[in-house]
């Protein structure tokens, strides 16, 4: 039986793996259900190298524990019900596993699978340790403790091992959290990229998605001093950049932002993967995590999502993208993804500006798994573009007008609504949330939506919390609308009701 070709399935020809042993485990337990408990004490799905085998192990285990048959038809139906038929190579590969000459003891083959998995993990540890030491993440004096901890995990049971470290007490998980959102890009309530949550930057071609993402990354690795768009960026040890969409263009874009003096930092802290990933996320959901671990990265840029999975509009494609990103995030690796809008109508600008998540291309699973979503809009190549914060981990940032300095590869906030200035200008009349929404979200064809008015109200409430504004009714009636007023006059004195 031939092994799945490396170029089709993303399998490394040099990895420690015995695919025949993996198939033999699956074939043996499918014919001899009583051998499943012995094998399951030795291995878990994560010990299999080939992604299809991980899926089949879980499916067979579920059928066996339910007392259901494990014939080709039953396994095919179970995999199909999960929407994973394509990932396992279809009906033919399920039939091939069923015809494999297993027999013997499943525990014997499981031991071979586990031994190969341990060798791969040692190899991965060696790469990560070397990369971390070079990047300053692990001091040589700490090597002994790190290796000892890894050894304890290796000698644990298959069912526990690395899983135990993921378990958290309820009080710790819920209550031991900071009062504000930990920001990777931003501070306080102004957060564009939050810790442990993916950032998506969406927009049509040519509006500067790559330019903005690259400025964030160069600041994160210490090449640029920052801030970016007026907000600070947290430092990272090493960033993996999957330049899958026009990699040479991405290289030219970043070349405008750096010089030869930056080579050492760029070599140490930035790793590129030019072209599409070695396998589609639908076929291999774990490929992104393995690439990040191989690069020793604590952050990754996906440029762009359409090149990571072939069918973004399908549920399968959206779930694959979301699943791959969540696997990376849970391991402490942060994510920026570049994405596109749906094509909406014609006109010289190619349609209308996106104002909701529904107007981004692809399955809703993609945006559902993100913590922050930015939308850029404008004509391709123009220096001035619009930015909206469609999904926020904390308070809303913008809407802003951004100015791209294309020759230097720099972007700045060119225009934003000055809410405090509006409060001062309205004087004794006050500023209502609806009036602020008109300024924040101008649309000559319609009034602000209820959602936009509520977002404006939250912005005004933030000024009240900071002591910069006060909230009052505009009349004696119980139904009189509420307006907001500046809290201090030009002399810096607190304005009282008698002054109004």
Protein backbone atom coordinates (compact mmCIF):
# COMPACT_ATOMS: atom_id res chain seq x y z
CA UNK A 1 0.00 0.00 0.00
CA UNK A 2 1.47 3.35 -1.02
CA UNK A 3 1.79 6.14 1.50
CA UNK A 4 -0.11 9.38 0.84
CA UNK A 5 2.26 11.58 -1.20
CA UNK A 6 3.99 14.32 0.80
CA UNK A 7 3.18 17.10 -1.63
CA UNK A 8 -0.57 16.35 -1.54
CA UNK A 9 -1.06 15.88 2.19
CA UNK A 10 1.68 18.09 3.60
CA UNK A 11 3.59 15.15 5.14
CA UNK A 12 7.29 15.68 5.72
CA UNK A 13 9.36 12.85 4.20
CA UNK A 14 11.90 13.22 7.04
CA UNK A 15 9.42 13.05 9.95
CA UNK A 16 9.48 10.10 12.35
CA UNK A 17 6.34 8.25 11.32
CA UNK A 18 5.10 4.74 10.56
CA UNK A 19 1.92 5.13 8.54
CA UNK A 20 1.53 1.35 8.21
CA UNK A 21 1.40 1.05 12.02
CA UNK A 22 -1.15 3.87 12.16
CA UNK A 23 -3.33 2.06 9.62
CA UNK A 24 -2.88 -1.24 11.43
CA UNK A 25 -4.18 0.20 14.71
CA UNK A 26 -7.29 1.51 12.98
CA UNK A 27 -7.89 -1.70 11.02
CA UNK A 28 -7.39 -3.91 14.08
CA UNK A 29 -9.80 -2.08 16.38
CA UNK A 30 -12.41 -1.86 13.62
CA UNK A 31 -12.46 -5.69 13.42
CA UNK A 32 -11.74 -6.40 17.10
CA UNK A 33 -13.58 -3.89 19.29
CA UNK A 34 -12.36 -5.51 22.49
CA UNK A 35 -8.82 -4.34 21.67
CA UNK A 36 -9.78 -0.65 21.62
CA UNK A 37 -9.47 -0.09 25.42
CA UNK A 38 -5.89 -1.44 25.43
CA UNK A 39 -4.86 0.77 22.51
CA UNK A 40 -6.61 3.86 23.95
CA UNK A 41 -4.53 3.55 27.13
CA UNK A 42 -1.40 3.97 25.02
CA UNK A 43 -2.29 6.61 22.41
CA UNK A 44 -4.66 9.50 21.73
CA UNK A 45 -5.67 11.05 18.41
CA UNK A 46 -2.80 13.54 18.66
CA UNK A 47 -0.24 10.70 18.47
CA UNK A 48 -1.23 10.00 14.85
CA UNK A 49 0.81 11.87 12.28
CA UNK A 50 -1.57 11.71 9.32
CA UNK A 51 -4.57 14.06 9.98
CA UNK A 52 -7.07 11.61 8.43
CA UNK A 53 -6.01 8.97 10.94
CA UNK A 54 -6.74 11.31 13.88
CA UNK A 55 -10.29 11.77 12.60
CA UNK A 56 -10.80 8.04 11.99
CA UNK A 57 -9.44 7.16 15.47
CA UNK A 58 -11.97 9.46 17.10
CA UNK A 59 -14.84 8.23 14.92
CA UNK A 60 -14.03 4.55 15.47
CA UNK A 61 -13.65 5.12 19.21
CA UNK A 62 -17.03 6.82 19.36
CA UNK A 63 -18.74 4.00 17.43
CA UNK A 64 -17.09 1.29 19.55
CA UNK A 65 -18.02 2.90 22.88
CA UNK A 66 -21.63 3.19 21.66
CA UNK A 67 -21.67 -0.47 20.65
CA UNK A 68 -22.33 0.50 17.02
CA UNK A 69 -20.92 -1.39 14.01
CA UNK A 70 -17.65 -0.20 12.44
CA UNK A 71 -18.19 -1.41 8.90
CA UNK A 72 -17.11 0.72 5.97
CA UNK A 73 -20.69 1.96 5.54
CA UNK A 74 -21.02 2.89 9.24
CA UNK A 75 -17.69 4.70 9.38
CA UNK A 76 -18.43 6.52 6.12
CA UNK A 77 -21.80 7.70 7.47
CA UNK A 78 -20.28 8.87 10.77
CA UNK A 79 -17.49 10.82 9.08
CA UNK A 80 -19.92 12.31 6.58
CA UNK A 81 -22.24 13.42 9.41
CA UNK A 82 -19.34 15.38 10.89
CA UNK A 83 -18.69 17.08 7.55
CA UNK A 84 -15.16 15.64 7.47
CA UNK A 85 -15.39 13.22 4.56
CA UNK A 86 -13.12 15.29 2.40
CA UNK A 87 -10.45 15.55 5.13
CA UNK A 88 -10.10 11.77 5.38
CA UNK A 89 -9.70 11.29 1.62
CA UNK A 90 -13.27 10.24 0.88
CA UNK A 91 -14.89 6.83 0.73
CA UNK A 92 -11.95 5.19 -1.03
CA UNK A 93 -9.51 5.84 1.80
CA UNK A 94 -12.00 4.60 4.43
CA UNK A 95 -12.34 1.40 2.36
CA UNK A 96 -8.55 1.17 2.11
CA UNK A 97 -8.20 1.31 5.90
CA UNK A 98 -10.84 -1.40 6.25
CA UNK A 99 -8.93 -3.65 3.84
CA UNK A 100 -5.59 -3.07 5.56
CA UNK A 101 -3.93 -6.20 6.92
CA UNK A 102 -4.19 -5.33 10.58
CA UNK A 103 -4.72 -8.32 12.84
CA UNK A 104 -2.46 -9.09 15.76
CA UNK A 105 -2.55 -6.91 18.83
CA UNK A 106 -3.72 -3.28 18.52
CA UNK A 107 -1.62 -2.43 21.58
CA UNK A 108 1.53 -3.53 19.72
CA UNK A 109 0.86 -1.18 16.81
CA UNK A 110 -0.23 1.58 19.21
CA UNK A 111 3.15 1.37 20.94
CA UNK A 112 4.90 1.94 17.59
CA UNK A 113 2.65 4.95 16.90
CA UNK A 114 3.38 6.41 20.35
CA UNK A 115 7.14 5.89 20.02
CA UNK A 116 7.18 7.73 16.67
CA UNK A 117 5.06 10.55 18.14
CA UNK A 118 7.54 10.95 21.02
CA UNK A 119 10.45 11.23 18.60
CA UNK A 120 8.60 13.93 16.66
CA UNK A 121 7.90 15.84 19.88
CA UNK A 122 11.55 15.67 20.87
CA UNK A 123 12.47 17.03 17.44
CA UNK A 124 9.94 19.84 17.83
CA UNK A 125 11.22 20.62 21.32
CA UNK A 126 14.79 20.86 20.04
CA UNK A 127 13.74 23.32 17.34
CA UNK A 128 11.69 25.40 19.78
CA UNK A 129 14.43 25.47 22.40
CA UNK A 130 17.08 26.54 19.91
CA UNK A 131 14.82 29.22 18.46
CA UNK A 132 13.76 30.48 21.90
CA UNK A 133 17.35 30.69 23.14
CA UNK A 134 18.43 32.64 20.06
CA UNK A 135 15.44 34.97 20.46
CA UNK A 136 16.10 35.44 24.18
CA UNK A 137 12.95 33.60 25.29
CA UNK A 138 14.74 30.88 27.29
CA UNK A 139 17.92 31.54 29.22
CA UNK A 140 20.54 28.76 29.02
CA UNK A 141 20.36 28.43 32.81
CA UNK A 142 16.66 27.56 32.54
CA UNK A 143 17.18 24.77 30.01
CA UNK A 144 17.27 22.04 32.65
CA UNK A 145 13.88 23.01 34.11
CA UNK A 146 12.29 23.31 30.66
CA UNK A 147 13.56 19.91 29.53
CA UNK A 148 12.56 18.32 32.86
CA UNK A 149 9.02 19.63 32.49
CA UNK A 150 8.86 18.25 28.97
CA UNK A 151 10.15 14.88 30.20
CA UNK A 152 7.39 14.75 32.83
CA UNK A 153 4.81 15.35 30.12
CA UNK A 154 6.37 12.65 27.91
CA UNK A 155 6.23 10.02 30.64
CA UNK A 156 2.65 10.81 31.65
CA UNK A 157 -0.29 8.70 30.56
CA UNK A 158 -1.72 9.15 27.09
CA UNK A 159 -4.97 10.41 28.54
CA UNK A 160 -3.34 13.06 30.74
CA UNK A 161 0.07 14.25 29.57
CA UNK A 162 -0.27 17.70 28.12
CA UNK A 163 -4.00 17.82 28.74
CA UNK A 164 -3.66 18.26 32.51
CA UNK A 165 -1.86 21.58 32.12
CA UNK A 166 -4.86 22.97 30.21
CA UNK A 167 -7.31 22.33 33.04
CA UNK A 168 -8.10 25.40 35.20
CA UNK A 169 -10.14 25.79 38.37
CA UNK A 170 -13.43 27.62 37.81
CA UNK A 171 -12.58 30.53 40.11
CA UNK A 172 -9.18 31.00 38.47
CA UNK A 173 -10.61 31.00 34.93
CA UNK A 174 -13.51 33.36 35.70
CA UNK A 175 -12.26 35.69 38.42
CA UNK A 176 -8.47 35.97 38.06
CA UNK A 177 -8.58 38.27 35.07
CA UNK A 178 -7.46 41.88 34.60
CA UNK A 179 -10.04 44.67 34.84
CA UNK A 180 -9.28 45.85 31.31
CA UNK A 181 -8.76 43.90 28.09
CA UNK A 182 -5.05 42.97 27.74
CA UNK A 183 -4.03 44.78 24.57
CA UNK A 184 -1.51 43.70 21.94
CA UNK A 185 -2.30 46.84 19.92
CA UNK A 186 -3.96 49.62 21.90
CA UNK A 187 -4.59 50.53 25.54
CA UNK A 188 -7.49 51.00 27.96
CA UNK A 189 -10.76 50.92 26.05
CA UNK A 190 -9.04 51.61 22.72
CA UNK A 191 -7.98 48.10 21.69
CA UNK A 192 -7.55 47.02 18.08
CA UNK A 193 -5.90 43.67 18.87
CA UNK A 194 -6.53 41.85 22.15
CA UNK A 195 -4.46 39.14 23.77
CA UNK A 196 -5.69 35.66 22.93
CA UNK A 197 -8.10 36.92 20.24
CA UNK A 198 -7.49 37.05 16.50
CA UNK A 199 -7.46 40.38 14.63
CA UNK A 200 -8.93 40.45 11.12
CA UNK A 201 -8.14 43.35 8.78
CA UNK A 202 -10.59 43.30 5.88
CA UNK A 203 -11.04 45.36 2.75
CA UNK A 204 -10.87 45.31 -1.06
CA UNK A 205 -7.57 45.08 -2.91
CA UNK A 206 -5.23 48.04 -2.76
CA UNK A 207 -6.55 49.83 0.35
CA UNK A 208 -3.55 49.05 2.56
CA UNK A 209 -4.44 45.92 4.57
CA UNK A 210 -0.95 44.50 4.13
CA UNK A 211 0.64 47.91 4.75
CA UNK A 212 -1.10 48.32 8.11
CA UNK A 213 -0.44 44.73 9.23
CA UNK A 214 3.24 45.00 8.34
CA UNK A 215 3.63 48.23 10.33
CA UNK A 216 2.11 46.48 13.37
CA UNK A 217 4.48 43.52 12.97
CA UNK A 218 7.60 45.65 12.46
CA UNK A 219 6.73 47.58 15.62
CA UNK A 220 6.06 44.32 17.48
CA UNK A 221 9.56 42.97 16.69
CA UNK A 222 11.29 46.26 17.51
CA UNK A 223 12.22 47.46 14.01
CA UNK A 224 9.87 50.44 14.26
CA UNK A 225 9.49 52.44 17.49
CA UNK A 226 5.71 52.80 17.14
CA UNK A 227 2.99 53.64 17.87
CA UNK A 228 0.80 52.52 14.95
CA UNK A 229 -2.28 54.69 14.30
CA UNK A 230 -1.51 56.41 17.59
CA UNK A 231 -1.76 53.18 19.62
CA UNK A 232 1.09 51.20 21.22
CA UNK A 233 2.00 47.68 20.08
CA UNK A 234 3.25 44.95 22.43
CA UNK A 235 6.60 43.33 21.60
CA UNK A 236 6.88 39.76 20.28
CA UNK A 237 9.87 37.45 20.23
CA UNK A 238 9.32 36.09 16.73
CA UNK A 239 6.60 36.43 14.09
CA UNK A 240 5.73 33.98 11.31
CA UNK A 241 4.36 35.68 8.17
CA UNK A 242 2.50 33.46 5.70
CA UNK A 243 2.89 35.56 2.53
CA UNK A 244 0.49 33.44 0.49
CA UNK A 245 -1.19 36.18 -1.56
CA UNK A 246 1.36 37.70 -3.99
CA UNK A 247 4.44 37.13 -1.79
CA UNK A 248 6.72 39.29 -3.94
CA UNK A 249 4.36 42.22 -3.56
CA UNK A 250 4.36 41.70 0.21
CA UNK A 251 8.17 41.73 0.16
CA UNK A 252 8.25 44.99 -1.85
CA UNK A 253 5.73 46.55 0.53
CA UNK A 254 7.82 45.77 3.60
CA UNK A 255 11.06 46.79 1.85
CA UNK A 256 9.80 50.40 1.89
CA UNK A 257 9.59 50.26 5.67
CA UNK A 258 13.05 48.90 6.55
CA UNK A 259 16.72 49.42 5.73
CA UNK A 260 19.86 47.29 5.57
CA UNK A 261 20.57 48.26 9.20
CA UNK A 262 17.50 46.23 10.23
CA UNK A 263 18.74 42.94 8.76
CA UNK A 264 19.85 41.38 12.07
CA UNK A 265 16.51 42.07 13.79
CA UNK A 266 14.58 40.89 10.73
CA UNK A 267 16.58 37.65 10.55
CA UNK A 268 16.16 36.93 14.26
CA UNK A 269 12.53 37.91 14.80
CA UNK A 270 10.67 37.53 11.50
CA UNK A 271 10.17 34.34 9.46
CA UNK A 272 8.38 34.21 6.10
CA UNK A 273 6.58 31.34 4.44
CA UNK A 274 6.16 32.45 0.79
CA UNK A 275 3.21 30.96 -1.07
CA UNK A 276 0.26 28.89 0.19
CA UNK A 277 0.68 26.75 3.32
CA UNK A 278 1.91 23.18 2.70
CA UNK A 279 -1.64 21.86 3.02
CA UNK A 280 -5.14 23.27 2.98
CA UNK A 281 -6.60 23.99 6.44
CA UNK A 282 -9.65 21.92 5.49
CA UNK A 283 -7.51 18.85 4.88
CA UNK A 284 -5.11 19.48 7.77
CA UNK A 285 -6.45 21.78 10.55
CA UNK A 286 -3.24 21.33 12.58
CA UNK A 287 -0.83 22.55 9.88
CA UNK A 288 -0.88 26.18 11.06
CA UNK A 289 0.09 25.24 14.62
CA UNK A 290 2.89 22.99 13.40
CA UNK A 291 4.27 25.76 11.18
CA UNK A 292 4.21 28.22 14.09
CA UNK A 293 5.97 25.74 16.36
CA UNK A 294 8.56 24.97 13.69
CA UNK A 295 9.28 28.71 13.33
CA UNK A 296 9.33 29.26 17.10
CA UNK A 297 6.76 32.03 16.59
CA UNK A 298 4.57 33.66 19.22
CA UNK A 299 2.53 35.49 16.54
CA UNK A 300 1.48 34.71 12.97
CA UNK A 301 0.15 36.77 10.05
CA UNK A 302 -2.16 35.08 7.51
CA UNK A 303 -1.92 37.05 4.26
CA UNK A 304 -4.56 36.25 3.25
CA UNK A 305 -7.34 33.94 4.50
CA UNK A 306 -8.52 33.05 1.00
CA UNK A 307 -5.21 31.21 0.45
CA UNK A 308 -5.49 29.14 3.64
CA UNK A 309 -8.62 27.15 2.73
CA UNK A 310 -10.14 26.70 -0.69
CA UNK A 311 -13.83 27.22 0.10
CA UNK A 312 -14.25 30.14 2.53
CA UNK A 313 -17.92 30.55 1.67
CA UNK A 314 -18.73 27.01 2.80
CA UNK A 315 -19.38 25.95 6.39
CA UNK A 316 -16.52 23.48 6.04
CA UNK A 317 -14.09 26.19 4.93
CA UNK A 318 -15.15 28.66 7.62
CA UNK A 319 -14.91 26.04 10.36
CA UNK A 320 -11.48 24.98 9.09
CA UNK A 321 -10.16 28.56 9.23
CA UNK A 322 -11.67 29.15 12.67
CA UNK A 323 -10.47 25.80 13.99
CA UNK A 324 -6.89 26.34 12.80
CA UNK A 325 -6.78 29.82 14.35
CA UNK A 326 -8.25 28.64 17.67
CA UNK A 327 -5.69 25.81 17.92
CA UNK A 328 -2.93 28.40 17.56
CA UNK A 329 -4.46 30.90 20.01
CA UNK A 330 -4.91 28.33 22.76
CA UNK A 331 -1.15 27.64 22.56
CA UNK A 332 -0.41 31.33 23.22
CA UNK A 333 0.34 32.25 19.60
CA UNK A 334 -1.39 35.47 18.49
CA UNK A 335 -3.00 35.87 15.06
CA UNK A 336 -3.55 38.60 12.46
CA UNK A 337 -5.54 37.59 9.37
CA UNK A 338 -6.09 39.64 6.20
CA UNK A 339 -9.47 39.21 4.56
CA UNK A 340 -11.77 40.63 1.86
CA UNK A 341 -15.24 42.15 1.56
CA UNK A 342 -18.05 40.68 -0.46
CA UNK A 343 -18.44 42.31 -3.86
CA UNK A 344 -21.43 44.63 -3.53
CA UNK A 345 -22.72 46.39 -6.59
CA UNK A 346 -20.85 48.40 -9.16
CA UNK A 347 -19.80 52.01 -9.46
CA UNK A 348 -16.36 53.54 -9.65
CA UNK A 349 -15.57 52.41 -6.09
CA UNK A 350 -16.77 48.83 -6.71
CA UNK A 351 -19.78 49.05 -4.38
CA UNK A 352 -20.52 50.44 -0.94
CA UNK A 353 -18.48 50.52 2.23
CA UNK A 354 -18.96 47.57 4.57
CA UNK A 355 -20.70 48.56 7.82
CA UNK A 356 -21.35 45.10 9.31
CA UNK A 357 -19.68 41.71 9.63
CA UNK A 358 -22.20 40.22 7.21
CA UNK A 359 -20.56 42.18 4.41
CA UNK A 360 -17.26 40.35 4.75
CA UNK A 361 -16.69 37.44 2.40
CA UNK A 362 -17.07 33.85 3.50
CA UNK A 363 -18.69 31.82 6.24
CA UNK A 364 -19.78 33.54 9.45
CA UNK A 365 -17.47 31.13 11.30
CA UNK A 366 -14.53 33.28 10.18
CA UNK A 367 -15.61 36.49 11.91
CA UNK A 368 -17.26 34.61 14.79
CA UNK A 369 -13.85 33.32 15.84
CA UNK A 370 -12.17 36.75 15.72
CA UNK A 371 -11.94 39.13 18.65
CA UNK A 372 -11.48 42.30 16.58
CA UNK A 373 -12.39 43.09 12.98
CA UNK A 374 -11.19 46.23 11.15
CA UNK A 375 -12.60 47.24 7.77
CA UNK A 376 -10.63 49.45 5.37
CA UNK A 377 -12.42 51.07 2.44
CA UNK A 378 -11.45 53.24 -0.48
CA UNK A 379 -10.16 53.20 -4.05
CA UNK A 380 -7.13 51.04 -4.78
CA UNK A 381 -3.88 52.93 -4.41
CA UNK A 382 -5.46 56.12 -3.00
CA UNK A 383 -3.65 57.73 -0.03
CA UNK A 384 -6.86 58.40 1.97
CA UNK A 385 -9.00 55.44 3.07
CA UNK A 386 -11.74 54.91 5.66
CA UNK A 387 -11.42 52.60 8.66
CA UNK A 388 -14.31 51.16 10.68
CA UNK A 389 -14.09 48.93 13.74
CA UNK A 390 -16.76 46.32 12.95
CA UNK A 391 -16.08 44.09 15.96
CA UNK A 392 -14.49 45.33 19.18
CA UNK A 393 -12.85 43.50 22.10
CA UNK A 394 -13.31 46.66 24.22
CA UNK A 395 -14.47 50.14 23.12
CA UNK A 396 -14.90 51.12 19.48
CA UNK A 397 -11.96 52.80 17.75
CA UNK A 398 -12.83 55.22 14.95
CA UNK A 399 -14.39 55.57 12.47
CA UNK A 400 -11.19 57.16 11.13
CA UNK A 401 -9.82 58.45 7.88
CA UNK A 402 -6.33 57.04 7.37
CA UNK A 403 -3.57 58.52 5.24
CA UNK A 404 -1.06 56.17 3.62
CA UNK A 405 2.38 57.61 2.92
CA UNK A 406 3.09 55.07 0.16
CA UNK A 407 6.76 55.94 -0.53
CA UNK A 408 7.69 55.52 3.17
CA UNK A 409 5.21 52.75 3.98
CA UNK A 410 3.69 54.65 6.89
CA UNK A 411 0.03 55.14 7.87
CA UNK A 412 -1.48 57.70 10.23
CA UNK A 413 -4.91 58.79 11.40
CA UNK A 414 -5.70 61.71 9.09
CA UNK A 415 -9.12 62.63 10.49
CA UNK A 416 -11.36 61.55 13.36
CA UNK A 417 -14.39 63.08 15.03
CA UNK A 418 -13.32 65.10 18.09
CA UNK A 419 -16.13 64.25 20.51
CA UNK A 420 -14.91 66.61 23.21
CA UNK A 421 -14.83 69.49 20.71
CA UNK A 422 -18.42 68.65 19.68
CA UNK A 423 -19.49 68.67 23.33
CA UNK A 424 -17.96 72.12 23.77
CA UNK A 425 -19.50 73.42 20.54
CA UNK A 426 -23.04 72.39 21.48
CA UNK A 427 -22.85 74.48 24.67
CA UNK A 428 -26.10 74.64 26.63
CA UNK A 429 -28.01 72.61 24.01
CA UNK A 430 -25.97 69.50 24.69
CA UNK A 431 -25.04 66.65 22.37
CA UNK A 432 -27.47 63.75 21.96
CA UNK A 433 -26.29 60.23 21.00
CA UNK A 434 -28.27 60.52 17.74
CA UNK A 435 -26.52 63.78 16.82
CA UNK A 436 -23.11 62.25 17.57
CA UNK A 437 -24.00 59.18 15.47
CA UNK A 438 -24.68 61.46 12.48
CA UNK A 439 -21.11 62.77 12.81
CA UNK A 440 -19.49 59.39 13.46
CA UNK A 441 -21.36 57.46 10.77
CA UNK A 442 -22.38 59.98 8.08
CA UNK A 443 -24.79 58.63 5.49
CA UNK A 444 -26.63 61.18 3.33
CA UNK A 445 -29.22 58.57 2.30
CA UNK A 446 -30.40 57.42 5.72
CA UNK A 447 -30.51 58.18 9.41
CA UNK A 448 -28.13 56.44 11.84
CA UNK A 449 -29.21 52.95 12.76
CA UNK A 450 -30.26 52.00 16.29
CA UNK A 451 -26.94 50.17 16.67
CA UNK A 452 -24.97 53.25 15.60
CA UNK A 453 -26.88 55.45 18.07
CA UNK A 454 -26.15 53.00 20.89
CA UNK A 455 -22.46 52.92 19.98
CA UNK A 456 -22.45 56.74 20.08
CA UNK A 457 -24.13 56.62 23.49
CA UNK A 458 -21.42 54.30 24.81
CA UNK A 459 -18.75 56.69 23.55
CA UNK A 460 -20.39 59.57 25.41
CA UNK A 461 -20.77 57.46 28.55
CA UNK A 462 -17.01 56.90 28.49
CA UNK A 463 -16.49 60.67 28.70
CA UNK A 464 -18.86 60.77 31.66
CA UNK A 465 -16.87 57.99 33.38
CA UNK A 466 -13.67 59.97 32.79
CA UNK A 467 -15.23 63.08 34.36
CA UNK A 468 -15.06 65.06 31.11
CA UNK A 469 -18.80 65.17 30.45
CA UNK A 470 -22.09 65.12 32.34
CA UNK A 471 -25.47 63.70 31.38
CA UNK A 472 -28.72 65.68 31.83
CA UNK A 473 -32.28 65.75 30.56
CA UNK A 474 -33.00 68.52 28.07
CA UNK A 475 -36.31 69.49 29.65
CA UNK A 476 -38.61 69.06 32.68
CA UNK A 477 -40.76 66.41 31.02
CA UNK A 478 -40.28 62.79 32.03
CA UNK A 479 -39.92 61.91 28.35
CA UNK A 480 -37.43 64.68 27.57
CA UNK A 481 -34.41 63.28 25.73
CA UNK A 482 -31.07 62.96 27.48
CA UNK A 483 -28.12 65.00 26.24
CA UNK A 484 -24.46 65.22 27.19
CA UNK A 485 -22.59 68.39 28.15
CA UNK A 486 -18.95 69.20 28.60
CA UNK A 487 -18.02 69.12 32.31
CA UNK A 488 -15.52 72.03 32.34
CA UNK A 489 -15.46 75.55 30.88
CA UNK A 490 -12.49 77.15 29.11
CA UNK A 491 -11.02 78.19 32.46
CA UNK A 492 -11.01 74.56 33.58
CA UNK A 493 -13.83 75.14 36.08
CA UNK A 494 -16.52 72.53 36.66
CA UNK A 495 -19.81 73.61 35.06
CA UNK A 496 -22.79 73.30 37.41
CA UNK A 497 -26.51 73.14 36.66
CA UNK A 498 -26.76 76.83 37.57
CA UNK A 499 -24.34 77.68 34.76
CA UNK A 500 -26.45 75.96 32.13
